[in-house]
Protein backbone atom coordinates (compact mmCIF):
# COMPACT_ATOMS: atom_id res chain seq x y z
CA UNK A 1 -17.25 -114.44 64.71
CA UNK A 2 -19.08 -112.17 67.10
CA UNK A 3 -20.98 -112.88 70.33
CA UNK A 4 -23.85 -111.03 71.20
CA UNK A 5 -23.91 -109.14 74.59
CA UNK A 6 -27.21 -110.96 75.49
CA UNK A 7 -25.36 -114.39 74.87
CA UNK A 8 -22.37 -113.24 76.58
CA UNK A 9 -24.35 -112.20 79.87
CA UNK A 10 -26.14 -115.87 79.54
CA UNK A 11 -22.92 -117.59 79.42
CA UNK A 12 -21.35 -115.48 82.55
CA UNK A 13 -24.59 -116.45 84.53
CA UNK A 14 -24.37 -120.05 83.78
CA UNK A 15 -20.70 -120.44 84.66
CA UNK A 16 -21.87 -119.35 88.27
CA UNK A 17 -23.68 -122.57 88.19
CA UNK A 18 -20.52 -124.60 87.58
CA UNK A 19 -18.87 -126.77 89.86
CA UNK A 20 -15.26 -127.24 88.98
CA UNK A 21 -12.10 -129.12 90.87
CA UNK A 22 -8.58 -128.00 89.99
CA UNK A 23 -5.94 -130.41 90.64
CA UNK A 24 -1.92 -129.34 90.40
CA UNK A 25 1.03 -127.73 91.97
CA UNK A 26 -0.17 -125.15 94.33
CA UNK A 27 2.24 -122.10 94.70
CA UNK A 28 2.21 -118.87 96.64
CA UNK A 29 3.67 -115.62 94.68
CA UNK A 30 5.05 -113.01 96.77
CA UNK A 31 5.76 -109.42 95.32
CA UNK A 32 8.27 -107.28 97.43
CA UNK A 33 8.27 -103.68 95.77
CA UNK A 34 10.31 -100.70 95.97
CA UNK A 35 13.02 -98.26 95.14
CA UNK A 36 16.49 -98.54 94.41
CA UNK A 37 18.37 -95.70 94.48
CA UNK A 38 21.90 -96.47 95.82
CA UNK A 39 24.60 -99.60 96.07
CA UNK A 40 25.23 -101.48 99.45
CA UNK A 41 28.54 -101.02 101.19
CA UNK A 42 28.59 -104.84 101.75
CA UNK A 43 28.57 -105.63 98.01
CA UNK A 44 28.05 -104.24 94.37
CA UNK A 45 24.23 -104.60 94.47
CA UNK A 46 21.25 -102.14 94.69
CA UNK A 47 19.70 -101.73 98.03
CA UNK A 48 15.93 -101.58 97.85
CA UNK A 49 13.77 -99.55 100.08
CA UNK A 50 10.93 -101.81 100.79
CA UNK A 51 7.26 -100.14 99.91
CA UNK A 52 5.13 -103.11 99.81
CA UNK A 53 5.09 -106.75 100.19
CA UNK A 54 2.20 -109.00 98.87
CA UNK A 55 1.23 -112.35 98.70
CA UNK A 56 -0.96 -113.93 96.01
CA UNK A 57 -2.08 -117.58 95.00
CA UNK A 58 0.10 -118.84 92.43
CA UNK A 59 0.50 -122.18 89.76
CA UNK A 60 -2.80 -124.05 90.33
CA UNK A 61 -4.12 -121.76 92.97
CA UNK A 62 -4.03 -118.91 90.44
CA UNK A 63 -6.07 -121.03 88.42
CA UNK A 64 -8.72 -121.02 91.19
CA UNK A 65 -8.55 -117.53 91.74
CA UNK A 66 -9.26 -116.82 88.11
CA UNK A 67 -12.20 -119.21 88.21
CA UNK A 68 -13.74 -117.07 91.28
CA UNK A 69 -13.01 -114.04 89.65
CA UNK A 70 -14.85 -114.94 86.68
CA UNK A 71 -17.66 -116.95 88.56
CA UNK A 72 -17.85 -115.65 92.11
CA UNK A 73 -20.76 -118.10 93.01
CA UNK A 74 -19.19 -121.18 91.07
CA UNK A 75 -18.03 -123.81 93.41
CA UNK A 76 -14.43 -124.30 92.98
CA UNK A 77 -12.70 -127.23 94.89
CA UNK A 78 -8.66 -127.32 95.48
CA UNK A 79 -6.53 -130.66 95.07
CA UNK A 80 -3.18 -130.36 95.95
CA UNK A 81 -0.52 -130.55 98.44
CA UNK A 82 1.43 -128.29 100.79
CA UNK A 83 4.02 -128.49 103.57
CA UNK A 84 3.62 -128.54 107.29
CA UNK A 85 4.89 -124.85 107.25
CA UNK A 86 3.75 -121.26 107.76
CA UNK A 87 3.43 -120.91 103.91
CA UNK A 88 0.77 -123.78 103.99
CA UNK A 89 -1.26 -121.95 106.53
CA UNK A 90 -1.10 -118.72 104.23
CA UNK A 91 -2.08 -120.65 101.47
CA UNK A 92 -5.09 -121.98 102.99
CA UNK A 93 -6.04 -118.67 104.45
CA UNK A 94 -6.11 -117.18 100.92
CA UNK A 95 -8.10 -120.16 99.49
CA UNK A 96 -10.59 -120.00 102.21
CA UNK A 97 -10.90 -116.10 101.53
CA UNK A 98 -11.47 -116.89 97.88
CA UNK A 99 -14.29 -119.06 98.93
CA UNK A 100 -12.59 -122.12 97.57
CA UNK A 101 -12.93 -125.57 99.18
CA UNK A 102 -9.60 -126.89 100.68
CA UNK A 103 -11.03 -130.46 101.54
CA UNK A 104 -8.73 -131.74 98.82
CA UNK A 105 -5.40 -130.06 100.16
CA UNK A 106 -3.17 -132.61 101.67
CA UNK A 107 -0.31 -131.83 104.12
CA UNK A 108 2.92 -133.63 103.40
CA UNK A 109 5.16 -133.24 106.17
CA UNK A 110 8.36 -134.21 104.12
CA UNK A 111 8.02 -131.29 101.63
CA UNK A 112 8.12 -127.45 101.75
CA UNK A 113 5.19 -125.49 100.31
CA UNK A 114 6.20 -124.01 97.05
CA UNK A 115 6.66 -119.98 97.33
CA UNK A 116 7.85 -117.67 94.12
CA UNK A 117 9.35 -114.20 95.82
CA UNK A 118 9.84 -111.41 93.38
CA UNK A 119 11.67 -108.46 94.12
CA UNK A 120 10.70 -105.42 92.10
CA UNK A 121 12.41 -102.38 92.09
CA UNK A 122 11.15 -99.07 90.42
CA UNK A 123 8.48 -101.18 88.54
CA UNK A 124 11.32 -103.86 86.94
CA UNK A 125 11.61 -107.35 88.51
CA UNK A 126 15.31 -107.63 89.29
CA UNK A 127 15.34 -111.32 90.91
CA UNK A 128 12.88 -114.11 91.55
CA UNK A 129 13.65 -116.62 94.75
CA UNK A 130 12.05 -120.21 94.78
CA UNK A 131 11.47 -122.34 97.58
CA UNK A 132 10.18 -125.61 96.65
CA UNK A 133 10.75 -129.25 96.25
CA UNK A 134 10.42 -131.13 93.02
CA UNK A 135 10.87 -134.58 93.91
CA UNK A 136 7.96 -136.89 93.47
CA UNK A 137 5.40 -137.09 96.06
CA UNK A 138 4.93 -139.85 98.12
CA UNK A 139 2.32 -142.83 97.19
CA UNK A 140 0.19 -142.50 100.42
CA UNK A 141 -0.30 -139.05 99.85
CA UNK A 142 -1.17 -139.49 96.12
CA UNK A 143 -3.51 -142.46 97.00
CA UNK A 144 -5.43 -140.17 99.36
CA UNK A 145 -5.69 -137.47 96.62
CA UNK A 146 -6.71 -139.61 94.01
CA UNK A 147 -9.27 -141.68 96.21
CA UNK A 148 -11.15 -138.09 96.86
CA UNK A 149 -11.00 -137.19 93.35
CA UNK A 150 -12.56 -140.38 92.33
CA UNK A 151 -15.10 -140.51 94.84
CA UNK A 152 -16.06 -137.01 93.93
CA UNK A 153 -16.28 -137.77 89.98
CA UNK A 154 -18.22 -140.88 90.90
CA UNK A 155 -21.00 -138.89 93.04
CA UNK A 156 -21.47 -136.35 90.25
CA UNK A 157 -19.80 -133.69 92.58
CA UNK A 158 -17.85 -132.03 89.22
CA UNK A 159 -18.91 -130.52 86.17
CA UNK A 160 -15.32 -130.17 85.07
CA UNK A 161 -11.66 -130.80 86.01
CA UNK A 162 -8.85 -128.93 85.32
CA UNK A 163 -5.29 -130.37 85.68
CA UNK A 164 -2.57 -127.89 85.99
CA UNK A 165 1.06 -129.47 85.67
CA UNK A 166 4.02 -127.33 86.81
CA UNK A 167 6.20 -130.26 87.27
CA UNK A 168 6.90 -130.06 90.94
CA UNK A 169 6.23 -133.80 91.74
CA UNK A 170 2.01 -133.98 92.23
CA UNK A 171 0.69 -134.79 88.68
CA UNK A 172 1.68 -138.39 87.13
CA UNK A 173 0.43 -140.31 84.07
CA UNK A 174 -1.08 -142.86 85.48
CA UNK A 175 -2.99 -141.14 88.03
CA UNK A 176 -4.18 -138.97 85.58
CA UNK A 177 -5.23 -141.35 82.93
CA UNK A 178 -7.38 -143.00 85.69
CA UNK A 179 -9.14 -139.74 86.69
CA UNK A 180 -9.44 -139.07 82.76
CA UNK A 181 -11.05 -142.29 81.87
CA UNK A 182 -13.30 -141.97 85.02
CA UNK A 183 -14.22 -138.59 84.14
CA UNK A 184 -15.07 -139.22 80.54
CA UNK A 185 -17.21 -141.98 81.89
CA UNK A 186 -19.06 -140.03 84.07
CA UNK A 187 -19.80 -137.03 81.78
CA UNK A 188 -17.19 -134.72 83.29
CA UNK A 189 -15.10 -132.05 81.08
CA UNK A 190 -11.20 -132.53 81.65
CA UNK A 191 -8.63 -129.67 80.41
CA UNK A 192 -4.70 -129.96 80.83
CA UNK A 193 -2.09 -127.30 81.04
CA UNK A 194 0.78 -129.42 80.36
CA UNK A 195 4.60 -128.91 81.12
CA UNK A 196 6.94 -129.90 78.58
CA UNK A 197 9.56 -130.44 81.27
CA UNK A 198 7.35 -133.48 82.61
CA UNK A 199 6.45 -135.30 79.41
CA UNK A 200 3.38 -137.73 79.81
CA UNK A 201 0.64 -138.71 77.12
CA UNK A 202 -2.92 -138.75 78.80
CA UNK A 203 -5.37 -139.76 76.21
CA UNK A 204 -9.13 -138.78 75.94
CA UNK A 205 -8.73 -135.22 77.41
CA UNK A 206 -11.55 -132.81 76.64
CA UNK A 207 -8.91 -129.93 76.40
CA UNK A 208 -5.42 -129.19 76.08
CA UNK A 209 -4.03 -125.98 76.30
CA UNK A 210 0.03 -125.78 75.96
CA UNK A 211 1.82 -122.51 74.47
CA UNK A 212 3.91 -122.74 71.24
CA UNK A 213 6.87 -123.87 72.97
CA UNK A 214 5.41 -126.22 75.01
CA UNK A 215 3.33 -127.84 72.15
CA UNK A 216 6.41 -128.37 70.26
CA UNK A 217 8.59 -129.88 73.49
CA UNK A 218 5.47 -132.34 73.95
CA UNK A 219 5.58 -133.49 70.46
CA UNK A 220 9.36 -133.94 70.47
CA UNK A 221 10.02 -131.46 67.69
CA UNK A 222 12.31 -128.47 67.56
CA UNK A 223 10.53 -125.35 67.99
CA UNK A 224 10.96 -123.32 64.74
CA UNK A 225 10.20 -119.57 64.52
CA UNK A 226 6.55 -119.04 63.57
CA UNK A 227 5.54 -118.27 60.25
CA UNK A 228 3.97 -114.92 58.95
CA UNK A 229 0.29 -116.23 59.42
CA UNK A 230 -0.65 -119.27 61.80
CA UNK A 231 -2.39 -120.34 58.41
CA UNK A 232 0.76 -120.78 56.90
CA UNK A 233 2.79 -122.25 59.65
CA UNK A 234 3.34 -125.88 58.49
CA UNK A 235 5.49 -126.70 61.37
CA UNK A 236 2.75 -125.80 63.91
CA UNK A 237 0.10 -128.02 62.03
CA UNK A 238 2.47 -130.92 62.12
CA UNK A 239 3.11 -130.61 65.76
CA UNK A 240 -0.77 -130.43 66.06
CA UNK A 241 -1.16 -133.35 64.10
CA UNK A 242 1.19 -135.46 66.40
CA UNK A 243 -0.66 -134.02 69.76
CA UNK A 244 -4.20 -134.92 68.18
CA UNK A 245 -3.26 -138.35 67.07
CA UNK A 246 -0.95 -139.13 70.32
CA UNK A 247 -2.83 -137.63 72.89
CA UNK A 248 -6.39 -137.76 71.08
CA UNK A 249 -7.87 -134.89 72.89
CA UNK A 250 -11.38 -133.50 71.76
CA UNK A 251 -9.90 -129.95 71.40
CA UNK A 252 -6.12 -128.64 71.18
CA UNK A 253 -5.97 -124.83 71.84
CA UNK A 254 -2.30 -123.67 71.47
CA UNK A 255 -1.78 -120.18 72.55
CA UNK A 256 0.88 -118.01 70.51
CA UNK A 257 1.60 -114.85 72.03
CA UNK A 258 1.27 -111.89 69.87
CA UNK A 259 -0.30 -114.24 67.18
CA UNK A 260 -3.18 -115.18 69.21
CA UNK A 261 -4.52 -118.84 69.53
CA UNK A 262 -5.08 -121.79 67.33
CA UNK A 263 -7.88 -124.21 67.99
CA UNK A 264 -7.10 -127.72 66.44
CA UNK A 265 -9.71 -130.57 66.40
CA UNK A 266 -9.64 -133.67 64.45
CA UNK A 267 -11.30 -133.60 61.24
CA UNK A 268 -12.24 -129.74 61.67
CA UNK A 269 -11.24 -126.72 60.34
CA UNK A 270 -8.38 -124.83 62.09
CA UNK A 271 -10.12 -121.88 63.97
CA UNK A 272 -7.43 -118.83 64.70
CA UNK A 273 -8.27 -116.17 67.12
CA UNK A 274 -6.23 -113.12 66.63
CA UNK A 275 -4.44 -111.50 69.83
CA UNK A 276 -6.22 -108.57 71.71
CA UNK A 277 -3.28 -107.50 74.03
CA UNK A 278 -3.25 -103.89 73.82
CA UNK A 279 0.16 -103.48 76.14
CA UNK A 280 1.85 -106.18 77.60
CA UNK A 281 3.22 -105.63 80.81
CA UNK A 282 3.51 -109.30 82.51
CA UNK A 283 2.78 -112.79 80.71
CA UNK A 284 2.87 -114.75 84.02
CA UNK A 285 -0.33 -116.35 84.74
CA UNK A 286 -1.88 -115.86 81.29
CA UNK A 287 -1.91 -119.62 80.76
CA UNK A 288 -3.67 -119.73 83.95
CA UNK A 289 -6.36 -117.21 82.76
CA UNK A 290 -6.78 -119.22 79.43
CA UNK A 291 -7.38 -122.89 80.62
CA UNK A 292 -9.59 -121.47 83.66
CA UNK A 293 -12.05 -119.29 81.07
CA UNK A 294 -12.09 -121.87 78.46
CA UNK A 295 -13.00 -124.85 81.10
CA UNK A 296 -15.56 -122.66 82.73
CA UNK A 297 -17.10 -121.41 79.47
CA UNK A 298 -17.53 -124.95 78.03
CA UNK A 299 -18.71 -126.09 81.54
CA UNK A 300 -21.01 -123.49 81.46
CA UNK A 301 -22.35 -124.49 77.63
CA UNK A 302 -20.45 -122.33 75.49
CA UNK A 303 -19.14 -123.50 72.24
CA UNK A 304 -15.80 -124.20 71.59
CA UNK A 305 -15.72 -120.81 69.37
CA UNK A 306 -17.41 -118.73 72.08
CA UNK A 307 -15.13 -120.13 74.77
CA UNK A 308 -11.71 -119.43 72.86
CA UNK A 309 -12.88 -115.96 71.85
CA UNK A 310 -13.84 -114.88 75.63
CA UNK A 311 -10.45 -116.69 76.75
CA UNK A 312 -8.32 -114.63 74.45
CA UNK A 313 -10.18 -111.76 75.58
CA UNK A 314 -9.59 -112.45 79.25
CA UNK A 315 -5.63 -113.59 78.35
CA UNK A 316 -5.55 -110.11 76.57
CA UNK A 317 -6.63 -108.00 80.00
CA UNK A 318 -4.66 -110.24 82.00
CA UNK A 319 -1.17 -109.51 80.46
CA UNK A 320 -1.90 -105.93 80.80
CA UNK A 321 -1.51 -106.29 84.67
CA UNK A 322 1.57 -106.85 86.65
CA UNK A 323 1.91 -110.33 88.12
CA UNK A 324 -0.27 -113.13 88.29
CA UNK A 325 -3.71 -111.40 87.87
CA UNK A 326 -7.23 -112.08 86.96
CA UNK A 327 -10.12 -110.72 85.43
CA UNK A 328 -14.09 -110.49 85.46
CA UNK A 329 -16.81 -110.74 83.40
CA UNK A 330 -17.43 -106.47 83.34
CA UNK A 331 -13.81 -106.11 81.94
CA UNK A 332 -14.23 -109.00 79.19
CA UNK A 333 -17.51 -107.54 78.16
CA UNK A 334 -16.19 -104.01 77.88
CA UNK A 335 -12.86 -104.90 76.00
CA UNK A 336 -15.25 -107.17 73.85
CA UNK A 337 -17.32 -104.05 73.13
CA UNK A 338 -14.34 -101.84 72.57
CA UNK A 339 -12.73 -104.27 69.99
CA UNK A 340 -16.31 -104.68 68.13
CA UNK A 341 -15.97 -108.75 69.17
CA UNK A 342 -19.12 -108.02 70.88
CA UNK A 343 -22.31 -107.19 68.94
């Protein structure tokens, strides 16, 4: 299947009219880069001469960043929890800078804002340090968050909702099921990027986007090596059947790394989208790009096949960049023309 340049432009224009809420674990990604040419006299470790430090939106906040990169005029609403600390102020500042609404960002003084610090020496990541609390968030905070979301759904403020689970204590099954049920009743598209370390069965989602390992984990199956082709991968099909029956999403898109993506739907033919990554530098954040692009495209009126193809191209661009990166419609259009995916 190919998409015409005119159709792509139509989808990209429509994406700018979408109103989309992102619910999930908010994080900051910090990159400390430099060169290491000698060992410390204090311990047998390299000494990094720092050249630059950069802080980016991460976790669910990276999904929001992806959305605003793809559709600068879209209305994006952040829903999540931060601590009462300086990192929370950095989070809010970066979200505001990206023109993302922060009315749904709630402060929990019992927690620290999650931050992942990466040290990069001569282009290679040498260590990552995580500052986070993963215990369940207090009921009062969650109730406030859920009330704001339910009010927004019922008042028609969202065209779509993305649930981004990093197993940091925010999302839980009962709340997500209530939000999903209300969203379906009100015609709001819902998508979930699940975490296998936080198993929960949410029925009636519009879309699920696990990677291969996550899909096997969610299905309670041992993750086998992939077959030579996706079409011949009996274990993958079995896992997809388990998830389609148990979770009952409208669409299940499993990302498969170098094998591309597989779109499963009940009683419909499997759709395989081959990979388009030319050179992989960093896969962190690729799943964020997939769910943000797919959801945005579907909310803008793209078909499942069109949305999957565009998301596949977007992910291929992002893994060719270092860190939690994003892409733009111009980049996607250029690559689709280059790979003859666009006519």
